[in-house]
Every structure is written in structure tokens, then in C-alpha cells.
Amino acid sequence: MTTSAPARTAQAAAPLRQPPLLYAVAAISALGGLLFGYDTGIISSALLDLGRDLQLSSRAQEIVVSAILVGAMAGAPVSGTLVARHGRKPVVTGVAVLFAAGAVAAAVAPGTGTLIAARFVLGLAVGAASNTVPVYIAETAPAAIRGRLMVLFQLMVAIGQLISYLVGYALAGPGGWRWMFALAAVPAVVLVLGMLPLPESPRWLVGQGRTEEAAGVLRRLRRPGSDIAGEIADIQAVRTEERGAGWRALRGSWVRPALVVALGIAAFSQLTGINAMVYYAPKLLTDAGFGDSTALLTGVGIGVMLVAAGIAGTLLVDRTGRRRLLLWLLPGSGLAMAVLALAFLGSGGSGAQKWTVIIALFAYIFLNGAGMQAVVWLIGPEVLPLAVRGPAMSVATTAVWGFDLLIALTALTAVDTFGRTATFLVYALMNAACWVFVLRRVPETRGRTLEEIEQALRRPARRRKEPAGV
């Protein structure tokens, strides 16, 4: 892919005002991100008491934790097929119903098997939400503010995680884990009701031959005087060039560069180490000599840093661009991880070592969160063509959850086998490898319409000159 400047500078200029419905679409659908963050984060607090209440072995606890990730891996490809066939809006609504059902089932689970099944259902919802909501926002937003609206999804994930840590701290105690799970049903119901008046994706409508309906939706989502006919024509022009649709189109050689970008970003979003830190930070602090009370509050601190990173990413992604943001922040993320790794070479738990660990940990969370995590749900829907956006995003989302599961299942084993310093230095190297990948493969999509990005992908001359990208 190329890294050329946006083709339409007029479109890159931020508009003065947008219709309230546009922001409602982003804000309401992004509640799927809040549920995603809450349901993946609450287990770290709930596990302390439910492990005792249900008399779970260590292995059973690992299965309970991992069930949501396995469900997410299944939910992503299924939702990819559903959004291509039935549209974005009904799938997001169905995801909200799954979130509510899974939350209630987990809260009333009488035993381990039921709890694991409920967590798997929640995983189906998490995988479908992470696959569908970014696509829905991308296809309704104008190019000038598409980035910040899509990063709102990741910000809501971070807010959901922070809320889960606060709720977990407040409800800690025998039986409290049931209320922790049950509370997730409240935003799920809000999401179901909020989706009812929202429109379908205009790009999906054009693909179904419902052009007049798509034009009507765009008139509600764009400022007065916008060139609705021109936007419809651009979408139709892309549709007429499609050869095949859905999963069949993934075999096309012209799609491959976009798939490489989407899958590469998906893999590096986990291989750079973020969830190893989120899942196991309390243990890291205990090893550095901090007391148990400090370790329990670590999740809250990480949640605060993730929210701060989400806010920073929201403010920067449309100002600096996706590619530049990654190239700026990944070196700092890798350096912070390297400092964290080297801090464990010390012994005795001195004050200097303790604060080096905590500062490096929080610096890493912020820098990786504001860069890598801010764009992981943004790049894929932007670079993937309309014909394959649903199924291709489901593949990329499955890759995110697959690598997340890999990290969750191997991080502690790697630490036990190779030591903390060696393990964290590998994560630091992954940040460096990701920087090289971004430099060579990832295009700048800021200010470009989805149709402009796809036309660049299809351009034969450019593919011959730059076989590694678009």
C-alpha cells in the first residue's frame, strides 16, 4: 500500500458541525465496545471470590477465563457472514441481546459448566461486537472525522475495563461476583433500545440495490449541501468493479495487500504484549515487592491509563494520521517494555526498582494504548474493500482473539521457563518489529473516503510498481 497524502484535501478538513444522528450512531453502537471491555475485564476481580464459592481448581479458573476468548474467536467469523447477508444494524442489535443473555446466565450460574457456557456466550458477543461495530461506524462516517468516531469504540472498551475494575473493587466479597456479572445486562439493554431508531449502513444498502434508501440515510448523516449523489456514485463505482463477493472474493490477488495489513495489525496488537500486562500486572507488582493492597489497585490504575490513552488516540488519530501515530508511539512503547524487562534484573525489591517497574508499566500501557490499540479496530475497516469487508474483518478479528488467547495461555509459562526479563524483552522486540511492518506496509488513510482507499488498492499500475502494498 502507498503512504501518499490524501487525495482530496477538501475532505480532510474537519467540518464545522455534523448532524446529531451521526454522533448518535457512533456513540450508541460504541456501547458494544463498553460491554466488550467490561465483560473481558470483570473476570479478574470476580475470579477471586467465585473461585472459592464454586471451589474451582487452578485449571478450571483458566478455562473460565479463556472461555470468553474462545467464544470471541467463534463469534467473529459468524458475524462476518451475518453482516454481509443481513446488514450491520440487525447484527449489532443481536449482539446486544447476546450480551444481556450471557450476563444474566453468568450471574445465576449454579456451577462451573454453566458459568463456562455463559462466558462462551459472552465471548460470541464480544467477537461479534469487535468485528461489526467498527465496520458500522466506518460505513456511516464522513472521511474527515471517521478516525475519531471509530476510535470512540476503543475508548469505550477502555472505559468498560475501568468500570469493571471499579465495580470489582466495590463488590468484592462472597457472592459479589454474581452482581459483577449481572450489571453488564444494563448497558446491553440500553444498546438494544438505542439501536432501534438508527439507520442501516448506506454502503450495505447500495450493495443490496437499495440506492434510494441509501441516499436517504446519507442525507440524514451528512451536513446540508453535501454531495450525496457524488458519494452514492463513488460507492456504486466500487461495487461495479467487484468480482465475486463475500468469502469468495478473499481469494482475489488484489485483496491480498489489504489483508496483509489488517492481519498484521491484528497480530501485533497482541504480540506487542498489552494483554500480558493487563491480565498479569498484579502478579508483576507482587514480584517487584509491592503489597497486596497495591496489587489489587493495579487494575484501576491500568484502567485509568487505558482511558487516558483512548482519549489521546481519539484526539490524535485524525490530526496526525494513523500511520504517523504508530510510527511516533511504537518506539516509546517498546522502550518502556524494555525498561520494565530490565527492571526485573535487580533484586531485593528496592524502592528504586519498585517505582521503575510501576512507571515503566504505566508508560507502556499509555503509549501502546494510544497508538497500537487506538488503530487496531480502525485500520481494517478502512483498508479492506467493501466486497470483502464483512468476512475479511471477521478473519482479522478472529486473529486478534486468537493471538490474545495465545498470549493469555503462554505469558506465565514463558515467565516461568525463560524469566521475566527475557519474556518482556521479546515483547519489546515485537514493538520494534511492528514499527518496521507499519513503515513498510501500512498506508495513511486519514482524510480519504473508503472508496478512494479501495480505488488505490485496485490500481493496476500501482500494484505492479509496489507488489508489497497498495
Protein backbone atom coordinates (compact mmCIF):
# COMPACT_ATOMS: atom_id res chain seq x y z
CA MET A 1 0.00 0.00 0.00
CA THR A 2 1.16 3.52 -0.62
CA THR A 3 1.68 6.13 2.03
CA SER A 4 0.77 9.06 -0.15
CA ALA A 5 -1.13 12.07 1.14
CA PRO A 6 -4.92 12.12 0.98
CA ALA A 7 -6.24 12.73 -2.48
CA ARG A 8 -8.97 15.17 -1.50
CA THR A 9 -7.67 17.86 0.80
CA ALA A 10 -11.09 19.45 0.98
CA GLN A 11 -12.46 16.26 2.50
CA ALA A 12 -9.65 16.18 5.06
CA ALA A 13 -10.67 19.50 6.53
CA ALA A 14 -12.77 18.94 9.62
CA PRO A 15 -16.34 20.17 9.13
CA LEU A 16 -17.76 22.77 11.49
CA ARG A 17 -20.80 20.73 12.50
CA GLN A 18 -22.21 17.32 11.75
CA PRO A 19 -25.81 16.09 12.18
CA PRO A 20 -26.55 14.81 15.70
CA LEU A 21 -27.66 11.47 14.23
CA LEU A 22 -24.10 10.81 13.04
CA TYR A 23 -22.76 11.11 16.59
CA ALA A 24 -25.69 9.07 17.91
CA VAL A 25 -24.77 6.22 15.54
CA ALA A 26 -21.17 6.21 16.80
CA ALA A 27 -21.99 6.70 20.49
CA ILE A 28 -24.81 4.14 20.76
CA SER A 29 -23.15 1.41 18.70
CA ALA A 30 -19.90 2.00 20.64
CA LEU A 31 -21.73 0.74 23.73
CA GLY A 32 -20.78 -2.62 22.24
CA GLY A 33 -17.19 -1.61 23.00
CA LEU A 34 -18.08 -0.74 26.59
CA LEU A 35 -19.66 -4.18 27.04
CA PHE A 36 -16.63 -5.76 25.35
CA GLY A 37 -14.31 -4.02 27.84
CA TYR A 38 -16.47 -4.70 30.90
CA ASP A 39 -17.04 -8.41 30.22
CA THR A 40 -13.38 -9.10 29.45
CA GLY A 41 -12.16 -7.05 32.42
CA ILE A 42 -14.57 -8.08 35.19
CA ILE A 43 -13.26 -11.63 35.39
CA SER A 44 -10.01 -10.51 37.03
CA SER A 45 -11.97 -9.22 40.04
CA ALA A 46 -14.74 -11.83 40.01
CA LEU A 47 -12.30 -14.73 39.91
CA LEU A 48 -11.03 -14.00 43.43
CA ASP A 49 -14.35 -14.94 45.04
CA LEU A 50 -16.04 -17.20 42.51
CA GLY A 51 -13.01 -19.49 42.63
CA ARG A 52 -13.72 -20.03 46.33
CA ASP A 53 -17.52 -20.08 46.03
CA LEU A 54 -17.51 -22.70 43.26
CA GLN A 55 -14.37 -24.45 44.56
CA LEU A 56 -12.58 -24.09 41.23
CA SER A 57 -9.18 -25.63 40.67
CA SER A 58 -6.46 -23.56 39.00
CA ARG A 59 -7.14 -25.36 35.73
CA ALA A 60 -10.88 -24.67 35.99
CA GLN A 61 -10.17 -20.99 36.63
CA GLU A 62 -8.02 -20.86 33.49
CA ILE A 63 -10.87 -22.38 31.48
CA VAL A 64 -13.36 -19.85 32.89
CA VAL A 65 -11.02 -17.00 31.94
CA SER A 66 -10.30 -18.39 28.47
CA ALA A 67 -13.90 -19.30 27.58
CA ILE A 68 -14.70 -15.72 26.57
CA LEU A 69 -11.68 -15.64 24.23
CA VAL A 70 -12.67 -18.93 22.60
CA GLY A 71 -16.19 -17.56 22.17
CA ALA A 72 -14.81 -14.38 20.63
CA MET A 73 -12.85 -16.40 18.09
CA ALA A 74 -16.09 -18.16 17.09
CA GLY A 75 -18.25 -15.03 17.15
CA ALA A 76 -16.07 -13.02 14.79
CA PRO A 77 -16.35 -15.22 11.64
CA VAL A 78 -20.03 -15.96 12.23
CA SER A 79 -20.80 -12.25 12.49
CA GLY A 80 -18.83 -11.63 9.29
CA THR A 81 -21.23 -13.83 7.36
CA LEU A 82 -24.27 -12.32 9.07
CA VAL A 83 -23.34 -8.67 8.40
CA ALA A 84 -22.76 -9.42 4.71
CA ARG A 85 -26.13 -11.12 4.41
CA HIS A 86 -28.42 -9.25 6.80
CA GLY A 87 -26.75 -5.87 7.31
CA ARG A 88 -24.83 -4.15 10.09
CA LYS A 89 -27.69 -2.80 12.24
CA PRO A 90 -29.54 -6.08 12.98
CA VAL A 91 -26.28 -7.84 13.85
CA VAL A 92 -25.28 -5.11 16.34
CA THR A 93 -28.76 -5.37 17.86
CA GLY A 94 -28.45 -9.15 18.10
CA VAL A 95 -25.05 -8.78 19.72
CA ALA A 96 -26.61 -6.63 22.45
CA VAL A 97 -29.18 -9.36 23.14
CA LEU A 98 -26.35 -11.90 23.44
CA PHE A 99 -24.52 -9.62 25.89
CA ALA A 100 -27.63 -9.39 28.08
CA ALA A 101 -28.33 -13.13 27.95
CA GLY A 102 -24.72 -14.03 28.73
CA ALA A 103 -24.54 -11.59 31.65
CA VAL A 104 -27.69 -12.97 33.28
CA ALA A 105 -26.63 -16.57 32.69
CA ALA A 106 -23.21 -15.94 34.26
CA ALA A 107 -24.78 -14.20 37.25
CA VAL A 108 -27.11 -17.10 38.09
CA ALA A 109 -24.74 -19.93 37.10
CA PRO A 110 -25.16 -22.78 39.61
CA GLY A 111 -21.90 -24.48 38.71
CA THR A 112 -18.69 -24.42 36.73
CA GLY A 113 -20.10 -25.87 33.49
CA THR A 114 -22.91 -23.34 33.33
CA LEU A 115 -20.52 -20.48 34.06
CA ILE A 116 -18.14 -21.60 31.30
CA ALA A 117 -21.05 -21.82 28.86
CA ALA A 118 -22.24 -18.33 29.85
CA ARG A 119 -18.74 -16.94 29.39
CA PHE A 120 -18.60 -18.58 25.95
CA VAL A 121 -21.88 -16.84 25.00
CA LEU A 122 -20.41 -13.54 26.19
CA GLY A 123 -17.40 -14.32 24.02
CA LEU A 124 -19.63 -14.76 20.98
CA ALA A 125 -20.98 -11.27 21.67
CA VAL A 126 -17.51 -9.80 22.24
CA GLY A 127 -16.17 -11.26 18.99
CA ALA A 128 -19.19 -10.12 17.01
CA ALA A 129 -19.10 -6.63 18.54
CA SER A 130 -15.40 -6.14 17.86
CA ASN A 131 -15.99 -7.23 14.26
CA THR A 132 -19.26 -5.44 13.48
CA VAL A 133 -19.31 -2.13 15.37
CA PRO A 134 -16.14 -0.67 13.75
CA VAL A 135 -17.46 -1.60 10.30
CA TYR A 136 -20.83 0.01 11.04
CA ILE A 137 -19.21 3.25 12.25
CA ALA A 138 -16.75 3.34 9.33
CA GLU A 139 -19.50 2.95 6.76
CA THR A 140 -21.67 5.73 8.21
CA ALA A 141 -18.97 8.33 9.00
CA PRO A 142 -17.59 11.00 6.62
CA ALA A 143 -13.88 10.80 5.86
CA ALA A 144 -12.92 13.94 7.79
CA ILE A 145 -13.96 12.59 11.20
CA ARG A 146 -14.10 8.85 10.55
CA GLY A 147 -10.99 8.20 12.61
CA ARG A 148 -12.13 9.85 15.81
CA LEU A 149 -15.59 8.28 15.59
CA MET A 150 -14.09 4.82 15.14
CA VAL A 151 -11.53 5.28 17.90
CA LEU A 152 -14.52 6.01 20.14
CA PHE A 153 -15.09 2.24 20.06
CA GLN A 154 -11.65 1.56 21.55
CA LEU A 155 -12.15 4.37 24.07
CA MET A 156 -15.39 2.72 25.17
CA VAL A 157 -13.54 -0.59 25.53
CA ALA A 158 -11.10 1.13 27.88
CA ILE A 159 -13.92 2.81 29.81
CA GLY A 160 -15.65 -0.56 30.13
CA GLN A 161 -12.46 -2.08 31.54
CA LEU A 162 -12.04 0.77 34.02
CA ILE A 163 -15.68 0.41 35.14
CA SER A 164 -15.15 -3.32 35.60
CA TYR A 165 -12.13 -2.72 37.85
CA LEU A 166 -14.03 -0.17 39.94
CA VAL A 167 -17.12 -2.40 40.21
CA GLY A 168 -14.94 -5.37 41.09
CA TYR A 169 -13.20 -3.42 43.83
CA ALA A 170 -16.53 -2.16 45.22
CA LEU A 171 -18.36 -5.51 45.15
CA ALA A 172 -15.52 -7.74 46.31
CA GLY A 173 -16.70 -10.33 48.80
CA PRO A 174 -18.60 -13.62 48.95
CA GLY A 175 -21.30 -13.72 46.25
CA GLY A 176 -20.30 -10.33 44.89
CA TRP A 177 -19.16 -11.86 41.61
CA ARG A 178 -22.79 -12.58 40.67
CA TRP A 179 -23.65 -8.88 40.84
CA MET A 180 -20.46 -8.06 38.91
CA PHE A 181 -21.66 -10.19 36.02
CA ALA A 182 -25.32 -9.15 36.26
CA LEU A 183 -24.63 -5.41 35.98
CA ALA A 184 -23.47 -5.89 32.38
CA ALA A 185 -27.09 -6.51 31.38
CA VAL A 186 -27.94 -2.83 31.96
CA PRO A 187 -25.85 -1.29 29.13
CA ALA A 188 -26.79 -4.27 26.95
CA VAL A 189 -30.48 -3.35 27.23
CA VAL A 190 -29.62 0.30 26.54
CA LEU A 191 -27.78 -0.81 23.38
CA VAL A 192 -30.78 -2.87 22.18
CA LEU A 193 -33.17 0.06 22.64
CA GLY A 194 -30.71 2.61 21.26
CA MET A 195 -30.15 0.69 18.03
CA LEU A 196 -33.86 0.63 17.11
CA PRO A 197 -34.09 4.16 15.62
CA LEU A 198 -30.64 4.11 13.99
CA PRO A 199 -30.23 3.67 10.20
CA GLU A 200 -28.61 0.83 8.31
CA SER A 201 -25.18 1.31 6.71
CA PRO A 202 -25.64 3.21 3.43
CA ARG A 203 -22.84 1.23 1.81
CA TRP A 204 -24.52 -2.08 2.63
CA LEU A 205 -27.80 -0.70 1.25
CA VAL A 206 -26.14 0.21 -2.05
CA GLY A 207 -24.75 -3.30 -2.23
CA GLN A 208 -28.29 -4.64 -1.90
CA GLY A 209 -29.56 -2.41 -4.72
CA ARG A 210 -31.45 -0.14 -2.30
CA THR A 211 -29.89 3.05 -3.66
CA GLU A 212 -32.74 5.44 -2.85
CA GLU A 213 -32.84 4.21 0.75
CA ALA A 214 -29.05 4.64 0.99
CA ALA A 215 -29.33 8.22 -0.31
CA GLY A 216 -31.99 8.95 2.29
CA VAL A 217 -29.74 7.64 5.05
CA LEU A 218 -26.81 9.75 3.83
CA ARG A 219 -28.97 12.87 3.79
CA ARG A 220 -29.63 12.26 7.49
CA LEU A 221 -25.96 11.61 8.24
CA ARG A 222 -24.34 14.44 6.27
CA ARG A 223 -24.32 18.23 6.57
CA PRO A 224 -26.80 20.20 4.42
CA GLY A 225 -25.35 20.82 0.98
CA SER A 226 -23.19 17.67 0.96
CA ASP A 227 -22.76 15.92 -2.39
CA ILE A 228 -24.95 12.90 -1.66
CA ALA A 229 -25.25 11.95 -5.33
CA GLY A 230 -21.48 12.01 -5.70
CA GLU A 231 -20.98 9.80 -2.63
CA ILE A 232 -23.57 7.32 -3.91
CA ALA A 233 -21.87 7.33 -7.33
CA ASP A 234 -18.48 6.59 -5.71
CA ILE A 235 -19.96 3.64 -3.80
CA GLN A 236 -21.67 2.32 -6.93
CA ALA A 237 -18.46 2.67 -8.95
CA VAL A 238 -16.66 0.48 -6.45
CA ARG A 239 -19.48 -2.05 -6.45
CA THR A 240 -19.41 -2.40 -10.26
CA GLU A 241 -15.70 -3.28 -10.14
CA GLU A 242 -16.20 -6.12 -7.66
CA ARG A 243 -15.51 -9.63 -8.88
CA GLY A 244 -17.25 -12.04 -6.58
CA ALA A 245 -18.48 -11.18 -3.13
CA GLY A 246 -18.13 -12.25 0.45
CA TRP A 247 -15.77 -15.08 1.28
CA ARG A 248 -15.11 -15.94 -2.39
CA ALA A 249 -13.59 -12.52 -3.02
CA LEU A 250 -10.91 -13.11 -0.36
CA ARG A 251 -9.08 -15.27 -2.90
CA GLY A 252 -8.51 -12.30 -5.21
CA SER A 253 -4.85 -11.30 -5.51
CA TRP A 254 -5.78 -7.61 -5.50
CA VAL A 255 -7.27 -8.01 -1.99
CA ARG A 256 -4.13 -9.61 -0.55
CA PRO A 257 -2.20 -6.41 0.34
CA ALA A 258 -5.17 -5.12 2.36
CA LEU A 259 -5.48 -8.49 4.12
CA VAL A 260 -1.79 -8.42 5.00
CA VAL A 261 -2.22 -5.00 6.59
CA ALA A 262 -5.37 -5.95 8.51
CA LEU A 263 -3.98 -9.29 9.74
CA GLY A 264 -0.59 -7.82 10.58
CA ILE A 265 -2.08 -5.07 12.72
CA ALA A 266 -4.38 -7.63 14.36
CA ALA A 267 -1.47 -9.90 15.27
CA PHE A 268 0.85 -7.15 16.50
CA SER A 269 -1.91 -5.63 18.64
CA GLN A 270 -1.45 -8.69 20.90
CA LEU A 271 2.15 -9.74 20.24
CA THR A 272 3.37 -6.34 21.48
CA GLY A 273 2.30 -7.51 24.95
CA ILE A 274 -0.63 -5.34 26.02
CA ASN A 275 -2.86 -8.10 27.40
CA ALA A 276 0.02 -9.92 29.07
CA MET A 277 0.36 -6.77 31.16
CA VAL A 278 -3.38 -6.25 31.67
CA TYR A 279 -4.00 -9.85 32.73
CA TYR A 280 -0.97 -10.32 34.95
CA ALA A 281 0.01 -6.87 36.23
CA PRO A 282 -0.92 -7.61 39.89
CA LYS A 283 1.46 -10.56 39.87
CA LEU A 284 4.18 -8.39 38.36
CA LEU A 285 3.84 -5.82 41.12
CA THR A 286 3.85 -8.50 43.80
CA ASP A 287 7.09 -9.83 42.34
CA ALA A 288 8.52 -6.31 42.42
CA GLY A 289 7.89 -6.11 46.16
CA PHE A 290 4.60 -4.23 46.32
CA GLY A 291 2.00 -5.20 48.91
CA ASP A 292 -1.26 -6.98 48.15
CA SER A 293 -3.39 -3.83 48.52
CA THR A 294 -1.31 -2.05 45.91
CA ALA A 295 -1.59 -5.08 43.62
CA LEU A 296 -5.40 -5.03 43.92
CA LEU A 297 -5.47 -1.38 42.87
CA THR A 298 -3.19 -2.01 39.90
CA GLY A 299 -6.14 -2.84 37.66
CA VAL A 300 -7.73 0.51 38.47
CA GLY A 301 -4.50 2.30 37.58
CA ILE A 302 -4.22 0.36 34.32
CA GLY A 303 -7.85 1.15 33.56
CA VAL A 304 -7.18 4.86 34.08
CA MET A 305 -4.17 4.71 31.77
CA LEU A 306 -6.18 2.88 29.11
CA VAL A 307 -8.91 5.53 29.24
CA ALA A 308 -6.29 8.31 29.05
CA ALA A 309 -4.71 6.50 26.09
CA GLY A 310 -8.11 6.18 24.42
CA ILE A 311 -8.76 9.90 24.81
CA ALA A 312 -5.31 10.71 23.40
CA GLY A 313 -5.87 8.36 20.46
CA THR A 314 -9.26 9.93 19.76
CA LEU A 315 -7.73 13.42 19.67
CA LEU A 316 -4.68 12.47 17.60
CA VAL A 317 -5.81 9.90 15.05
CA ASP A 318 -7.43 12.40 12.67
CA ARG A 319 -4.86 15.14 13.32
CA THR A 320 -1.65 13.16 12.90
CA GLY A 321 -2.93 10.22 10.85
CA ARG A 322 -3.00 6.51 11.65
CA ARG A 323 0.41 5.60 10.23
CA ARG A 324 2.24 8.55 11.74
CA LEU A 325 0.68 7.94 15.17
CA LEU A 326 2.00 4.38 15.14
CA LEU A 327 5.45 5.41 13.95
CA TRP A 328 5.65 8.03 16.69
CA LEU A 329 4.41 5.96 19.65
CA LEU A 330 5.65 2.41 18.98
CA PRO A 331 9.32 3.27 19.77
CA GLY A 332 8.29 4.66 23.16
CA SER A 333 6.08 1.62 23.79
CA GLY A 334 8.95 -0.74 23.01
CA LEU A 335 11.39 1.28 25.14
CA ALA A 336 9.02 1.25 28.13
CA MET A 337 8.65 -2.52 27.80
CA ALA A 338 12.44 -2.93 27.63
CA VAL A 339 12.86 -0.82 30.78
CA LEU A 340 10.24 -2.95 32.52
CA ALA A 341 12.13 -6.09 31.45
CA LEU A 342 15.47 -4.80 32.70
CA ALA A 343 13.98 -3.62 35.98
CA PHE A 344 13.49 -7.25 36.96
CA LEU A 345 17.23 -7.88 36.75
CA GLY A 346 17.51 -6.17 40.11
CA SER A 347 16.90 -8.00 43.37
CA GLY A 348 15.68 -7.20 46.85
CA GLY A 349 12.66 -5.12 45.88
CA SER A 350 14.30 -1.75 46.48
CA GLY A 351 12.30 1.46 46.26
CA ALA A 352 14.01 2.41 43.02
CA GLN A 353 13.18 -0.95 41.43
CA LYS A 354 9.55 -0.74 42.54
CA TRP A 355 8.98 2.67 41.03
CA THR A 356 10.88 1.79 37.87
CA VAL A 357 8.51 -1.14 37.37
CA ILE A 358 5.33 0.85 38.01
CA ILE A 359 6.36 3.86 35.91
CA ALA A 360 7.53 1.68 33.01
CA LEU A 361 4.34 -0.39 33.20
CA PHE A 362 2.04 2.63 33.08
CA ALA A 363 4.13 4.33 30.38
CA TYR A 364 3.90 1.19 28.25
CA ILE A 365 0.12 0.91 28.78
CA PHE A 366 -0.39 4.54 27.75
CA LEU A 367 1.90 4.54 24.71
CA ASN A 368 0.72 1.20 23.35
CA GLY A 369 -2.89 2.07 24.12
CA ALA A 370 -2.79 5.49 22.42
CA GLY A 371 -1.08 4.03 19.34
CA MET A 372 -1.49 0.33 18.65
CA GLN A 373 -4.76 -0.21 20.49
CA ALA A 374 -6.28 3.02 19.12
CA VAL A 375 -5.92 1.89 15.49
CA VAL A 376 -6.41 -1.88 15.74
CA TRP A 377 -10.18 -1.59 15.15
CA LEU A 378 -9.73 1.33 12.72
CA ILE A 379 -7.22 0.20 10.07
CA GLY A 380 -9.03 -2.97 9.00
CA PRO A 381 -12.43 -1.46 8.13
CA GLU A 382 -10.65 1.36 6.29
CA VAL A 383 -8.28 -0.63 4.08
CA LEU A 384 -10.48 -3.66 3.36
CA PRO A 385 -12.67 -3.37 0.24
CA LEU A 386 -16.44 -3.22 0.53
CA ALA A 387 -16.94 -6.58 -1.20
CA VAL A 388 -14.98 -8.43 1.50
CA ARG A 389 -15.23 -6.03 4.43
CA GLY A 390 -17.57 -8.25 6.45
CA PRO A 391 -15.80 -11.61 6.05
CA ALA A 392 -12.30 -10.11 5.92
CA MET A 393 -12.88 -8.16 9.13
CA SER A 394 -14.13 -11.35 10.75
CA VAL A 395 -10.81 -13.02 9.81
CA ALA A 396 -8.85 -10.08 11.22
CA THR A 397 -10.95 -10.02 14.38
CA THR A 398 -10.51 -13.76 14.82
CA ALA A 399 -6.75 -13.17 14.54
CA VAL A 400 -6.92 -10.57 17.32
CA TRP A 401 -8.67 -13.01 19.64
CA GLY A 402 -6.52 -15.94 18.59
CA PHE A 403 -3.31 -14.11 19.42
CA ASP A 404 -4.93 -12.78 22.60
CA LEU A 405 -5.65 -16.37 23.64
CA LEU A 406 -2.07 -17.35 22.73
CA ILE A 407 -0.66 -14.61 24.96
CA ALA A 408 -3.07 -15.42 27.81
CA LEU A 409 -2.08 -19.10 27.76
CA THR A 410 1.68 -18.62 27.32
CA ALA A 411 2.69 -15.48 29.24
CA LEU A 412 3.06 -17.08 32.67
CA THR A 413 4.58 -20.25 31.21
CA ALA A 414 7.15 -18.14 29.34
CA VAL A 415 7.96 -16.22 32.52
CA ASP A 416 8.40 -19.46 34.47
CA THR A 417 10.54 -21.02 31.74
CA PHE A 418 12.66 -18.11 30.50
CA GLY A 419 12.27 -15.47 33.20
CA ARG A 420 10.56 -12.09 33.23
CA THR A 421 13.39 -10.17 31.65
CA ALA A 422 13.70 -12.48 28.61
CA THR A 423 9.92 -12.68 28.12
CA PHE A 424 9.38 -8.93 28.28
CA LEU A 425 12.34 -8.26 26.00
CA VAL A 426 10.59 -10.44 23.39
CA TYR A 427 7.53 -8.20 23.73
CA ALA A 428 9.79 -5.17 23.32
CA LEU A 429 11.21 -6.67 20.12
CA MET A 430 7.66 -7.24 18.88
CA ASN A 431 7.08 -3.49 19.23
CA ALA A 432 10.16 -2.88 17.08
CA ALA A 433 9.01 -5.46 14.51
CA CYS A 434 5.60 -3.80 14.40
CA TRP A 435 7.24 -0.42 13.71
CA VAL A 436 9.03 -1.92 10.69
CA PHE A 437 5.79 -3.50 9.49
CA VAL A 438 3.95 -0.18 9.73
CA LEU A 439 6.76 1.63 7.92
CA ARG A 440 6.74 -0.81 5.02
CA ARG A 441 3.13 -1.93 4.71
CA VAL A 442 0.57 0.35 6.33
CA PRO A 443 -0.87 3.21 4.25
CA GLU A 444 -2.10 6.56 5.51
CA THR A 445 -5.89 6.61 5.34
CA ARG A 446 -6.56 9.92 7.10
CA GLY A 447 -8.98 12.16 5.17
CA ARG A 448 -9.61 9.66 2.37
CA THR A 449 -13.01 8.18 1.65
CA LEU A 450 -13.37 4.42 1.81
CA GLU A 451 -13.94 4.44 -1.95
CA GLU A 452 -10.68 6.35 -2.60
CA ILE A 453 -8.78 3.84 -0.50
CA GLU A 454 -10.33 0.96 -2.43
CA GLN A 455 -9.63 2.55 -5.81
CA ALA A 456 -5.96 2.85 -4.81
CA LEU A 457 -6.00 -0.84 -3.90
CA ARG A 458 -7.35 -1.74 -7.34
CA ARG A 459 -4.99 0.45 -9.36
CA PRO A 460 -3.07 -1.98 -11.64
CA ALA A 461 -0.07 0.25 -12.30
CA ARG A 462 0.49 0.83 -8.64
CA ARG A 463 0.28 -2.88 -7.88
CA ARG A 464 2.98 -3.58 -10.45
CA LYS A 465 5.28 -0.92 -9.04
CA GLU A 466 4.68 -1.83 -5.40
CA PRO A 467 3.85 -5.53 -5.11
CA ALA A 468 4.20 -5.41 -1.31
CA GLY A 469 1.43 -2.89 -0.82
CA VAL A 470 -1.20 -0.62 -2.24
